[in-house]
Amino acid sequence: MVSVVGLVGLLVIVLANSAVTALMTRFFRVRMNTRWGGLLYSILLCPVAMFVLFMVLATLGFGGDLTLGPGFVVFLTIVVPLAVGMTFDYVWMPAPDDVELPTSTN
């Protein structure tokens, strides 16, 4: 049986992974000059960073006793935050070309 503390810890992992994905996706979209480069790098590199973050947070005690099954845990901690983070960046944030940056004073 999963406790409330375990579910709160799992929610912390999901939110942290979603934030990491949104930031990485924005970074790749800003830095890449191609249309598909940011998407491809986000799909390939974000799950690696999320897995590392998941392992660090699970080692620190977040997530509790994850007896939900390994497939469900991977889906909940990798796939869902990947979809949420990328959707946040692609749908809610303006395109990098639409953002006006201030001019340098140097």
PDB file of N, CA and C in Angstrom:
ATOM      1  N   MET A   1       0.837  -1.178   0.000  1.00  0.00           N
ATOM      2  CA  MET A   1       0.000   0.000   0.000  1.00  0.00           C
ATOM      3  C   MET A   1       0.881   1.239   0.000  1.00  0.00           C
ATOM      4  N   VAL A   2       0.508   2.203  -0.786  1.00  0.00           N
ATOM      5  CA  VAL A   2       1.266   3.433  -0.916  1.00  0.00           C
ATOM      6  C   VAL A   2       0.748   4.445   0.101  1.00  0.00           C
ATOM      7  N   SER A   3       1.665   5.075   0.824  1.00  0.00           N
ATOM      8  CA  SER A   3       1.262   6.046   1.849  1.00  0.00           C
ATOM      9  C   SER A   3       1.115   7.436   1.232  1.00  0.00           C
ATOM     10  N   VAL A   4       0.546   8.338   1.999  1.00  0.00           N
ATOM     11  CA  VAL A   4       0.362   9.712   1.547  1.00  0.00           C
ATOM     12  C   VAL A   4       1.717  10.388   1.379  1.00  0.00           C
ATOM     13  N   VAL A   5       2.639  10.097   2.274  1.00  0.00           N
ATOM     14  CA  VAL A   5       3.982  10.680   2.184  1.00  0.00           C
ATOM     15  C   VAL A   5       4.675  10.196   0.910  1.00  0.00           C
ATOM     16  N   GLY A   6       4.497   8.927   0.567  1.00  0.00           N
ATOM     17  CA  GLY A   6       5.066   8.396  -0.665  1.00  0.00           C
ATOM     18  C   GLY A   6       4.482   9.059  -1.898  1.00  0.00           C
ATOM     19  N   LEU A   7       3.173   9.313  -1.881  1.00  0.00           N
ATOM     20  CA  LEU A   7       2.541   9.984  -3.015  1.00  0.00           C
ATOM     21  C   LEU A   7       2.994  11.434  -3.144  1.00  0.00           C
ATOM     22  N   VAL A   8       3.173  12.116  -2.008  1.00  0.00           N
ATOM     23  CA  VAL A   8       3.667  13.496  -2.042  1.00  0.00           C
ATOM     24  C   VAL A   8       5.097  13.514  -2.581  1.00  0.00           C
ATOM     25  N   GLY A   9       5.921  12.570  -2.153  1.00  0.00           N
ATOM     26  CA  GLY A   9       7.280  12.474  -2.679  1.00  0.00           C
ATOM     27  C   GLY A   9       7.296  12.186  -4.165  1.00  0.00           C
ATOM     28  N   LEU A  10       6.391  11.337  -4.620  1.00  0.00           N
ATOM     29  CA  LEU A  10       6.280  11.041  -6.043  1.00  0.00           C
ATOM     30  C   LEU A  10       5.830  12.276  -6.815  1.00  0.00           C
ATOM     31  N   LEU A  11       4.937  13.061  -6.231  1.00  0.00           N
ATOM     32  CA  LEU A  11       4.502  14.307  -6.857  1.00  0.00           C
ATOM     33  C   LEU A  11       5.659  15.297  -6.957  1.00  0.00           C
ATOM     34  N   VAL A  12       6.518  15.350  -5.944  1.00  0.00           N
ATOM     35  CA  VAL A  12       7.700  16.212  -5.991  1.00  0.00           C
ATOM     36  C   VAL A  12       8.608  15.792  -7.144  1.00  0.00           C
ATOM     37  N   ILE A  13       8.802  14.484  -7.316  1.00  0.00           N
ATOM     38  CA  ILE A  13       9.632  13.989  -8.411  1.00  0.00           C
ATOM     39  C   ILE A  13       9.025  14.367  -9.759  1.00  0.00           C
ATOM     40  N   VAL A  14       7.717  14.200  -9.900  1.00  0.00           N
ATOM     41  CA  VAL A  14       7.046  14.520 -11.169  1.00  0.00           C
ATOM     42  C   VAL A  14       7.155  16.011 -11.468  1.00  0.00           C
ATOM     43  N   LEU A  15       6.944  16.861 -10.470  1.00  0.00           N
ATOM     44  CA  LEU A  15       7.041  18.306 -10.681  1.00  0.00           C
ATOM     45  C   LEU A  15       8.477  18.740 -10.989  1.00  0.00           C
ATOM     46  N   ALA A  16       9.444  18.170 -10.307  1.00  0.00           N
ATOM     47  CA  ALA A  16      10.849  18.503 -10.584  1.00  0.00           C
ATOM     48  C   ALA A  16      11.237  18.069 -11.988  1.00  0.00           C
ATOM     49  N   ASN A  17      10.821  16.868 -12.387  1.00  0.00           N
ATOM     50  CA  ASN A  17      11.128  16.394 -13.735  1.00  0.00           C
ATOM     51  C   ASN A  17      10.426  17.239 -14.794  1.00  0.00           C
ATOM     52  N   SER A  18       9.221  17.695 -14.520  1.00  0.00           N
ATOM     53  CA  SER A  18       8.512  18.557 -15.470  1.00  0.00           C
ATOM     54  C   SER A  18       9.235  19.894 -15.628  1.00  0.00           C
ATOM     55  N   ALA A  19       9.717  20.450 -14.526  1.00  0.00           N
ATOM     56  CA  ALA A  19      10.448  21.719 -14.583  1.00  0.00           C
ATOM     57  C   ALA A  19      11.758  21.562 -15.348  1.00  0.00           C
ATOM     58  N   VAL A  20      12.477  20.474 -15.105  1.00  0.00           N
ATOM     59  CA  VAL A  20      13.726  20.220 -15.822  1.00  0.00           C
ATOM     60  C   VAL A  20      13.465  20.077 -17.319  1.00  0.00           C
ATOM     61  N   THR A  21      12.411  19.369 -17.669  1.00  0.00           N
ATOM     62  CA  THR A  21      12.082  19.189 -19.083  1.00  0.00           C
ATOM     63  C   THR A  21      11.717  20.513 -19.737  1.00  0.00           C
ATOM     64  N   ALA A  22      10.921  21.333 -19.066  1.00  0.00           N
ATOM     65  CA  ALA A  22      10.540  22.628 -19.634  1.00  0.00           C
ATOM     66  C   ALA A  22      11.767  23.519 -19.845  1.00  0.00           C
ATOM     67  N   LEU A  23      12.673  23.531 -18.876  1.00  0.00           N
ATOM     68  CA  LEU A  23      13.876  24.353 -19.002  1.00  0.00           C
ATOM     69  C   LEU A  23      14.811  23.835 -20.091  1.00  0.00           C
ATOM     70  N   MET A  24      14.987  22.529 -20.147  1.00  0.00           N
ATOM     71  CA  MET A  24      15.847  21.966 -21.183  1.00  0.00           C
ATOM     72  C   MET A  24      15.255  22.166 -22.573  1.00  0.00           C
ATOM     73  N   THR A  25      13.951  22.016 -22.700  1.00  0.00           N
ATOM     74  CA  THR A  25      13.305  22.224 -23.992  1.00  0.00           C
ATOM     75  C   THR A  25      13.459  23.664 -24.439  1.00  0.00           C
ATOM     76  N   ARG A  26      13.287  24.612 -23.518  1.00  0.00           N
ATOM     77  CA  ARG A  26      13.468  26.029 -23.865  1.00  0.00           C
ATOM     78  C   ARG A  26      14.906  26.294 -24.277  1.00  0.00           C
ATOM     79  N   PHE A  27      15.859  25.724 -23.548  1.00  0.00           N
ATOM     80  CA  PHE A  27      17.272  25.917 -23.885  1.00  0.00           C
ATOM     81  C   PHE A  27      17.567  25.387 -25.284  1.00  0.00           C
ATOM     82  N   PHE A  28      17.070  24.186 -25.592  1.00  0.00           N
ATOM     83  CA  PHE A  28      17.326  23.619 -26.916  1.00  0.00           C
ATOM     84  C   PHE A  28      16.636  24.424 -28.010  1.00  0.00           C
ATOM     85  N   ARG A  29      15.436  24.929 -27.754  1.00  0.00           N
ATOM     86  CA  ARG A  29      14.736  25.725 -28.762  1.00  0.00           C
ATOM     87  C   ARG A  29      15.450  27.040 -29.023  1.00  0.00           C
ATOM     88  N   VAL A  30      16.037  27.642 -27.982  1.00  0.00           N
ATOM     89  CA  VAL A  30      16.732  28.914 -28.159  1.00  0.00           C
ATOM     90  C   VAL A  30      18.062  28.704 -28.865  1.00  0.00           C
ATOM     91  N   ARG A  31      18.778  27.657 -28.517  1.00  0.00           N
ATOM     92  CA  ARG A  31      20.119  27.441 -29.045  1.00  0.00           C
ATOM     93  C   ARG A  31      20.165  26.814 -30.436  1.00  0.00           C
ATOM     94  N   MET A  32      19.149  26.043 -30.804  1.00  0.00           N
ATOM     95  CA  MET A  32      19.158  25.355 -32.096  1.00  0.00           C
ATOM     96  C   MET A  32      18.641  26.277 -33.189  1.00  0.00           C
ATOM     97  N   ASN A  33      19.290  26.239 -34.338  1.00  0.00           N
ATOM     98  CA  ASN A  33      18.856  27.042 -35.473  1.00  0.00           C
ATOM     99  C   ASN A  33      17.895  26.286 -36.375  1.00  0.00           C
ATOM    100  N   THR A  34      17.725  25.003 -36.130  1.00  0.00           N
ATOM    101  CA  THR A  34      16.829  24.205 -36.960  1.00  0.00           C
ATOM    102  C   THR A  34      15.467  24.106 -36.306  1.00  0.00           C
ATOM    103  N   ARG A  35      14.477  23.727 -37.097  1.00  0.00           N
ATOM    104  CA  ARG A  35      13.121  23.613 -36.575  1.00  0.00           C
ATOM    105  C   ARG A  35      12.951  22.337 -35.756  1.00  0.00           C
ATOM    106  N   TRP A  36      13.550  21.239 -36.192  1.00  0.00           N
ATOM    107  CA  TRP A  36      13.372  19.953 -35.531  1.00  0.00           C
ATOM    108  C   TRP A  36      14.469  19.638 -34.521  1.00  0.00           C
ATOM    109  N   GLY A  37      15.534  20.419 -34.493  1.00  0.00           N
ATOM    110  CA  GLY A  37      16.644  20.137 -33.597  1.00  0.00           C
ATOM    111  C   GLY A  37      16.267  20.190 -32.131  1.00  0.00           C
ATOM    112  N   GLY A  38      15.544  21.212 -31.731  1.00  0.00           N
ATOM    113  CA  GLY A  38      15.129  21.348 -30.338  1.00  0.00           C
ATOM    114  C   GLY A  38      14.221  20.222 -29.894  1.00  0.00           C
ATOM    115  N   LEU A  39      13.294  19.843 -30.765  1.00  0.00           N
ATOM    116  CA  LEU A  39      12.388  18.739 -30.445  1.00  0.00           C
ATOM    117  C   LEU A  39      13.145  17.421 -30.326  1.00  0.00           C
ATOM    118  N   LEU A  40      14.049  17.177 -31.274  1.00  0.00           N
ATOM    119  CA  LEU A  40      14.804  15.923 -31.257  1.00  0.00           C
ATOM    120  C   LEU A  40      15.705  15.822 -30.032  1.00  0.00           C
ATOM    121  N   TYR A  41      16.415  16.897 -29.724  1.00  0.00           N
ATOM    122  CA  TYR A  41      17.271  16.877 -28.545  1.00  0.00           C
ATOM    123  C   TYR A  41      16.452  16.758 -27.261  1.00  0.00           C
ATOM    124  N   SER A  42      15.289  17.398 -27.227  1.00  0.00           N
ATOM    125  CA  SER A  42      14.428  17.291 -26.041  1.00  0.00           C
ATOM    126  C   SER A  42      13.948  15.869 -25.826  1.00  0.00           C
ATOM    127  N   ILE A  43      13.563  15.213 -26.895  1.00  0.00           N
ATOM    128  CA  ILE A  43      13.069  13.839 -26.772  1.00  0.00           C
ATOM    129  C   ILE A  43      14.192  12.877 -26.404  1.00  0.00           C
ATOM    130  N   LEU A  44      15.402  13.141 -26.871  1.00  0.00           N
ATOM    131  CA  LEU A  44      16.511  12.218 -26.612  1.00  0.00           C
ATOM    132  C   LEU A  44      17.251  12.495 -25.300  1.00  0.00           C
ATOM    133  N   LEU A  45      17.437  13.747 -24.925  1.00  0.00           N
ATOM    134  CA  LEU A  45      18.273  14.063 -23.763  1.00  0.00           C
ATOM    135  C   LEU A  45      17.504  14.328 -22.474  1.00  0.00           C
ATOM    136  N   CYS A  46      16.277  14.811 -22.575  1.00  0.00           N
ATOM    137  CA  CYS A  46      15.501  15.093 -21.362  1.00  0.00           C
ATOM    138  C   CYS A  46      15.230  13.831 -20.534  1.00  0.00           C
ATOM    139  N   PRO A  47      14.878  12.692 -21.141  1.00  0.00           N
ATOM    140  CA  PRO A  47      14.664  11.501 -20.307  1.00  0.00           C
ATOM    141  C   PRO A  47      15.915  11.058 -19.539  1.00  0.00           C
ATOM    142  N   VAL A  48      17.084  11.280 -20.110  1.00  0.00           N
ATOM    143  CA  VAL A  48      18.325  10.924 -19.402  1.00  0.00           C
ATOM    144  C   VAL A  48      18.480  11.805 -18.160  1.00  0.00           C
ATOM    145  N   ALA A  49      18.288  13.104 -18.328  1.00  0.00           N
ATOM    146  CA  ALA A  49      18.396  14.027 -17.180  1.00  0.00           C
ATOM    147  C   ALA A  49      17.318  13.737 -16.145  1.00  0.00           C
ATOM    148  N   MET A  50      16.111  13.412 -16.609  1.00  0.00           N
ATOM    149  CA  MET A  50      15.032  13.107 -15.666  1.00  0.00           C
ATOM    150  C   MET A  50      15.306  11.819 -14.902  1.00  0.00           C
ATOM    151  N   PHE A  51      15.899  10.833 -15.560  1.00  0.00           N
ATOM    152  CA  PHE A  51      16.222   9.580 -14.870  1.00  0.00           C
ATOM    153  C   PHE A  51      17.267   9.823 -13.793  1.00  0.00           C
ATOM    154  N   VAL A  52      18.276  10.614 -14.112  1.00  0.00           N
ATOM    155  CA  VAL A  52      19.308  10.932 -13.121  1.00  0.00           C
ATOM    156  C   VAL A  52      18.694  11.685 -11.936  1.00  0.00           C
ATOM    157  N   LEU A  53      17.848  12.671 -12.221  1.00  0.00           N
ATOM    158  CA  LEU A  53      17.189  13.415 -11.151  1.00  0.00           C
ATOM    159  C   LEU A  53      16.274  12.506 -10.333  1.00  0.00           C
ATOM    160  N   PHE A  54      15.562  11.607 -11.003  1.00  0.00           N
ATOM    161  CA  PHE A  54      14.707  10.650 -10.298  1.00  0.00           C
ATOM    162  C   PHE A  54      15.524   9.775  -9.356  1.00  0.00           C
ATOM    163  N   MET A  55      16.667   9.294  -9.811  1.00  0.00           N
ATOM    164  CA  MET A  55      17.507   8.441  -8.968  1.00  0.00           C
ATOM    165  C   MET A  55      18.055   9.214  -7.776  1.00  0.00           C
ATOM    166  N   VAL A  56      18.438  10.466  -7.990  1.00  0.00           N
ATOM    167  CA  VAL A  56      18.942  11.287  -6.882  1.00  0.00           C
ATOM    168  C   VAL A  56      17.837  11.538  -5.859  1.00  0.00           C
ATOM    169  N   LEU A  57      16.648  11.919  -6.338  1.00  0.00           N
ATOM    170  CA  LEU A  57      15.550  12.189  -5.405  1.00  0.00           C
ATOM    171  C   LEU A  57      15.071  10.919  -4.722  1.00  0.00           C
ATOM    172  N   ALA A  58      15.063   9.796  -5.418  1.00  0.00           N
ATOM    173  CA  ALA A  58      14.661   8.537  -4.796  1.00  0.00           C
ATOM    174  C   ALA A  58      15.675   8.110  -3.745  1.00  0.00           C
ATOM    175  N   THR A  59      16.952   8.394  -3.986  1.00  0.00           N
ATOM    176  CA  THR A  59      17.986   8.084  -2.999  1.00  0.00           C
ATOM    177  C   THR A  59      17.828   8.956  -1.754  1.00  0.00           C
ATOM    178  N   LEU A  60      17.375  10.186  -1.944  1.00  0.00           N
ATOM    179  CA  LEU A  60      17.148  11.086  -0.815  1.00  0.00           C
ATOM    180  C   LEU A  60      15.881  10.762  -0.037  1.00  0.00           C
ATOM    181  N   GLY A  61      15.083   9.835  -0.538  1.00  0.00           N
ATOM    182  CA  GLY A  61      13.902   9.401   0.196  1.00  0.00           C
ATOM    183  C   GLY A  61      12.579   9.860  -0.380  1.00  0.00           C
ATOM    184  N   PHE A  62      12.598  10.632  -1.448  1.00  0.00           N
ATOM    185  CA  PHE A  62      11.347  11.046  -2.065  1.00  0.00           C
ATOM    186  C   PHE A  62      10.760   9.864  -2.829  1.00  0.00           C
ATOM    187  N   GLY A  63       9.459   9.790  -2.867  1.00  0.00           N
ATOM    188  CA  GLY A  63       8.798   8.703  -3.588  1.00  0.00           C
ATOM    189  C   GLY A  63       8.386   7.569  -2.694  1.00  0.00           C
ATOM    190  N   GLY A  64       8.938   7.493  -1.514  1.00  0.00           N
ATOM    191  CA  GLY A  64       8.552   6.444  -0.570  1.00  0.00           C
ATOM    192  C   GLY A  64       8.790   5.049  -1.124  1.00  0.00           C
ATOM    193  N   ASP A  65       7.923   4.137  -0.788  1.00  0.00           N
ATOM    194  CA  ASP A  65       7.997   2.762  -1.258  1.00  0.00           C
ATOM    195  C   ASP A  65       7.225   2.682  -2.570  1.00  0.00           C
ATOM    196  N   LEU A  66       7.938   2.728  -3.674  1.00  0.00           N
ATOM    197  CA  LEU A  66       7.295   2.743  -4.990  1.00  0.00           C
ATOM    198  C   LEU A  66       6.919   1.326  -5.411  1.00  0.00           C
ATOM    199  N   THR A  67       5.892   0.792  -4.791  1.00  0.00           N
ATOM    200  CA  THR A  67       5.434  -0.564  -5.106  1.00  0.00           C
ATOM    201  C   THR A  67       4.336  -0.546  -6.158  1.00  0.00           C
ATOM    202  N   LEU A  68       4.256   0.528  -6.917  1.00  0.00           N
ATOM    203  CA  LEU A  68       3.226   0.660  -7.933  1.00  0.00           C
ATOM    204  C   LEU A  68       3.523  -0.165  -9.176  1.00  0.00           C
ATOM    205  N   GLY A  69       4.689  -0.703  -9.273  1.00  0.00           N
ATOM    206  CA  GLY A  69       5.104  -1.452 -10.444  1.00  0.00           C
ATOM    207  C   GLY A  69       6.113  -0.638 -11.240  1.00  0.00           C
ATOM    208  N   PRO A  70       7.145  -1.280 -11.760  1.00  0.00           N
ATOM    209  CA  PRO A  70       8.200  -0.523 -12.444  1.00  0.00           C
ATOM    210  C   PRO A  70       7.714   0.189 -13.708  1.00  0.00           C
ATOM    211  N   GLY A  71       6.820  -0.416 -14.452  1.00  0.00           N
ATOM    212  CA  GLY A  71       6.314   0.224 -15.665  1.00  0.00           C
ATOM    213  C   GLY A  71       5.527   1.482 -15.374  1.00  0.00           C
ATOM    214  N   PHE A  72       4.707   1.417 -14.342  1.00  0.00           N
ATOM    215  CA  PHE A  72       3.900   2.578 -13.971  1.00  0.00           C
ATOM    216  C   PHE A  72       4.770   3.690 -13.407  1.00  0.00           C
ATOM    217  N   VAL A  73       5.783   3.335 -12.647  1.00  0.00           N
ATOM    218  CA  VAL A  73       6.678   4.341 -12.069  1.00  0.00           C
ATOM    219  C   VAL A  73       7.466   5.044 -13.171  1.00  0.00           C
ATOM    220  N   VAL A  74       7.968   4.292 -14.147  1.00  0.00           N
ATOM    221  CA  VAL A  74       8.686   4.904 -15.275  1.00  0.00           C
ATOM    222  C   VAL A  74       7.738   5.806 -16.060  1.00  0.00           C
ATOM    223  N   PHE A  75       6.520   5.340 -16.290  1.00  0.00           N
ATOM    224  CA  PHE A  75       5.540   6.160 -17.008  1.00  0.00           C
ATOM    225  C   PHE A  75       5.253   7.437 -16.243  1.00  0.00           C
ATOM    226  N   LEU A  76       5.082   7.330 -14.939  1.00  0.00           N
ATOM    227  CA  LEU A  76       4.706   8.478 -14.124  1.00  0.00           C
ATOM    228  C   LEU A  76       5.861   9.446 -13.897  1.00  0.00           C
ATOM    229  N   THR A  77       7.089   8.966 -13.857  1.00  0.00           N
ATOM    230  CA  THR A  77       8.219   9.841 -13.551  1.00  0.00           C
ATOM    231  C   THR A  77       9.024  10.264 -14.766  1.00  0.00           C
ATOM    232  N   ILE A  78       8.818   9.638 -15.912  1.00  0.00           N
ATOM    233  CA  ILE A  78       9.570  10.005 -17.115  1.00  0.00           C
ATOM    234  C   ILE A  78       8.639  10.486 -18.219  1.00  0.00           C
ATOM    235  N   VAL A  79       7.661   9.691 -18.588  1.00  0.00           N
ATOM    236  CA  VAL A  79       6.817   9.997 -19.745  1.00  0.00           C
ATOM    237  C   VAL A  79       5.880  11.171 -19.461  1.00  0.00           C
ATOM    238  N   VAL A  80       5.204  11.161 -18.325  1.00  0.00           N
ATOM    239  CA  VAL A  80       4.265  12.242 -18.005  1.00  0.00           C
ATOM    240  C   VAL A  80       4.991  13.585 -17.870  1.00  0.00           C
ATOM    241  N   PRO A  81       6.097  13.684 -17.109  1.00  0.00           N
ATOM    242  CA  PRO A  81       6.796  14.975 -17.041  1.00  0.00           C
ATOM    243  C   PRO A  81       7.379  15.415 -18.385  1.00  0.00           C
ATOM    244  N   LEU A  82       7.791  14.462 -19.219  1.00  0.00           N
ATOM    245  CA  LEU A  82       8.290  14.821 -20.544  1.00  0.00           C
ATOM    246  C   LEU A  82       7.180  15.480 -21.355  1.00  0.00           C
ATOM    247  N   ALA A  83       6.006  14.895 -21.323  1.00  0.00           N
ATOM    248  CA  ALA A  83       4.872  15.470 -22.055  1.00  0.00           C
ATOM    249  C   ALA A  83       4.450  16.812 -21.463  1.00  0.00           C
ATOM    250  N   VAL A  84       4.389  16.912 -20.153  1.00  0.00           N
ATOM    251  CA  VAL A  84       3.958  18.158 -19.504  1.00  0.00           C
ATOM    252  C   VAL A  84       4.977  19.270 -19.738  1.00  0.00           C
ATOM    253  N   GLY A  85       6.257  18.986 -19.562  1.00  0.00           N
ATOM    254  CA  GLY A  85       7.293  20.004 -19.738  1.00  0.00           C
ATOM    255  C   GLY A  85       7.392  20.507 -21.165  1.00  0.00           C
ATOM    256  N   MET A  86       7.335  19.586 -22.126  1.00  0.00           N
ATOM    257  CA  MET A  86       7.413  20.004 -23.522  1.00  0.00           C
ATOM    258  C   MET A  86       6.156  20.752 -23.939  1.00  0.00           C
ATOM    259  N   THR A  87       5.005  20.322 -23.455  1.00  0.00           N
ATOM    260  CA  THR A  87       3.768  21.031 -23.763  1.00  0.00           C
ATOM    261  C   THR A  87       3.793  22.428 -23.167  1.00  0.00           C
ATOM    262  N   PHE A  88       4.304  22.564 -21.960  1.00  0.00           N
ATOM    263  CA  PHE A  88       4.420  23.870 -21.320  1.00  0.00           C
ATOM    264  C   PHE A  88       5.260  24.808 -22.175  1.00  0.00           C
ATOM    265  N   ASP A  89       6.386  24.325 -22.675  1.00  0.00           N
ATOM    266  CA  ASP A  89       7.266  25.191 -23.451  1.00  0.00           C
ATOM    267  C   ASP A  89       6.705  25.479 -24.838  1.00  0.00           C
ATOM    268  N   TYR A  90       6.207  24.474 -25.521  1.00  0.00           N
ATOM    269  CA  TYR A  90       5.744  24.668 -26.894  1.00  0.00           C
ATOM    270  C   TYR A  90       4.400  25.385 -26.977  1.00  0.00           C
ATOM    271  N   VAL A  91       3.531  25.209 -25.996  1.00  0.00           N
ATOM    272  CA  VAL A  91       2.194  25.790 -26.079  1.00  0.00           C
ATOM    273  C   VAL A  91       2.093  27.108 -25.311  1.00  0.00           C
ATOM    274  N   TRP A  92       2.587  27.142 -24.082  1.00  0.00           N
ATOM    275  CA  TRP A  92       2.370  28.314 -23.245  1.00  0.00           C
ATOM    276  C   TRP A  92       3.403  29.411 -23.475  1.00  0.00           C
ATOM    277  N   MET A  93       4.665  29.042 -23.642  1.00  0.00           N
ATOM    278  CA  MET A  93       5.729  30.027 -23.809  1.00  0.00           C
ATOM    279  C   MET A  93       5.748  30.530 -25.254  1.00  0.00           C
ATOM    280  N   PRO A  94       6.116  31.796 -25.469  1.00  0.00           N
ATOM    281  CA  PRO A  94       6.216  32.296 -26.847  1.00  0.00           C
ATOM    282  C   PRO A  94       7.417  31.676 -27.556  1.00  0.00           C
ATOM    283  N   ALA A  95       7.347  31.651 -28.862  1.00  0.00           N
ATOM    284  CA  ALA A  95       8.456  31.113 -29.651  1.00  0.00           C
ATOM    285  C   ALA A  95       9.701  31.965 -29.424  1.00  0.00           C
ATOM    286  N   PRO A  96      10.883  31.360 -29.451  1.00  0.00           N
ATOM    287  CA  PRO A  96      12.110  32.139 -29.206  1.00  0.00           C
ATOM    288  C   PRO A  96      12.296  33.293 -30.183  1.00  0.00           C
ATOM    289  N   ASP A  97      11.802  33.165 -31.406  1.00  0.00           N
ATOM    290  CA  ASP A  97      11.946  34.250 -32.376  1.00  0.00           C
ATOM    291  C   ASP A  97      11.034  35.429 -32.065  1.00  0.00           C
ATOM    292  N   ASP A  98       9.961  35.206 -31.314  1.00  0.00           N
ATOM    293  CA  ASP A  98       9.006  36.260 -30.999  1.00  0.00           C
ATOM    294  C   ASP A  98       9.421  37.098 -29.793  1.00  0.00           C
ATOM    295  N   VAL A  99      10.422  36.699 -29.070  1.00  0.00           N
ATOM    296  CA  VAL A  99      10.857  37.406 -27.864  1.00  0.00           C
ATOM    297  C   VAL A  99      11.917  38.426 -28.251  1.00  0.00           C
ATOM    298  N   GLU A 100      11.669  39.671 -27.859  1.00  0.00           N
ATOM    299  CA  GLU A 100      12.648  40.732 -28.135  1.00  0.00           C
ATOM    300  C   GLU A 100      13.580  40.875 -26.946  1.00  0.00           C
ATOM    301  N   LEU A 101      14.856  40.796 -27.219  1.00  0.00           N
ATOM    302  CA  LEU A 101      15.863  40.936 -26.179  1.00  0.00           C
ATOM    303  C   LEU A 101      16.347  42.376 -26.125  1.00  0.00           C
ATOM    304  N   PRO A 102      16.704  42.861 -24.942  1.00  0.00           N
ATOM    305  CA  PRO A 102      17.215  44.232 -24.855  1.00  0.00           C
ATOM    306  C   PRO A 102      18.574  44.335 -25.527  1.00  0.00           C
ATOM    307  N   THR A 103      18.870  45.518 -26.034  1.00  0.00           N
ATOM    308  CA  THR A 103      20.163  45.719 -26.700  1.00  0.00           C
ATOM    309  C   THR A 103      21.255  45.878 -25.651  1.00  0.00           C
ATOM    310  N   SER A 104      22.437  45.514 -26.011  1.00  0.00           N
ATOM    311  CA  SER A 104      23.582  45.604 -25.112  1.00  0.00           C
ATOM    312  C   SER A 104      24.047  47.055 -25.007  1.00  0.00           C
ATOM    313  N   THR A 105      24.479  47.435 -23.827  1.00  0.00           N
ATOM    314  CA  THR A 105      24.961  48.806 -23.620  1.00  0.00           C
ATOM    315  C   THR A 105      26.458  48.923 -23.845  1.00  0.00           C
ATOM    316  N   ASN A 106      27.123  47.833 -24.128  1.00  0.00           N
ATOM    317  CA  ASN A 106      28.581  47.861 -24.334  1.00  0.00           C
ATOM    318  C   ASN A 106      28.918  48.265 -25.734  1.00  0.00           C
TER     319      ASN A 106
END
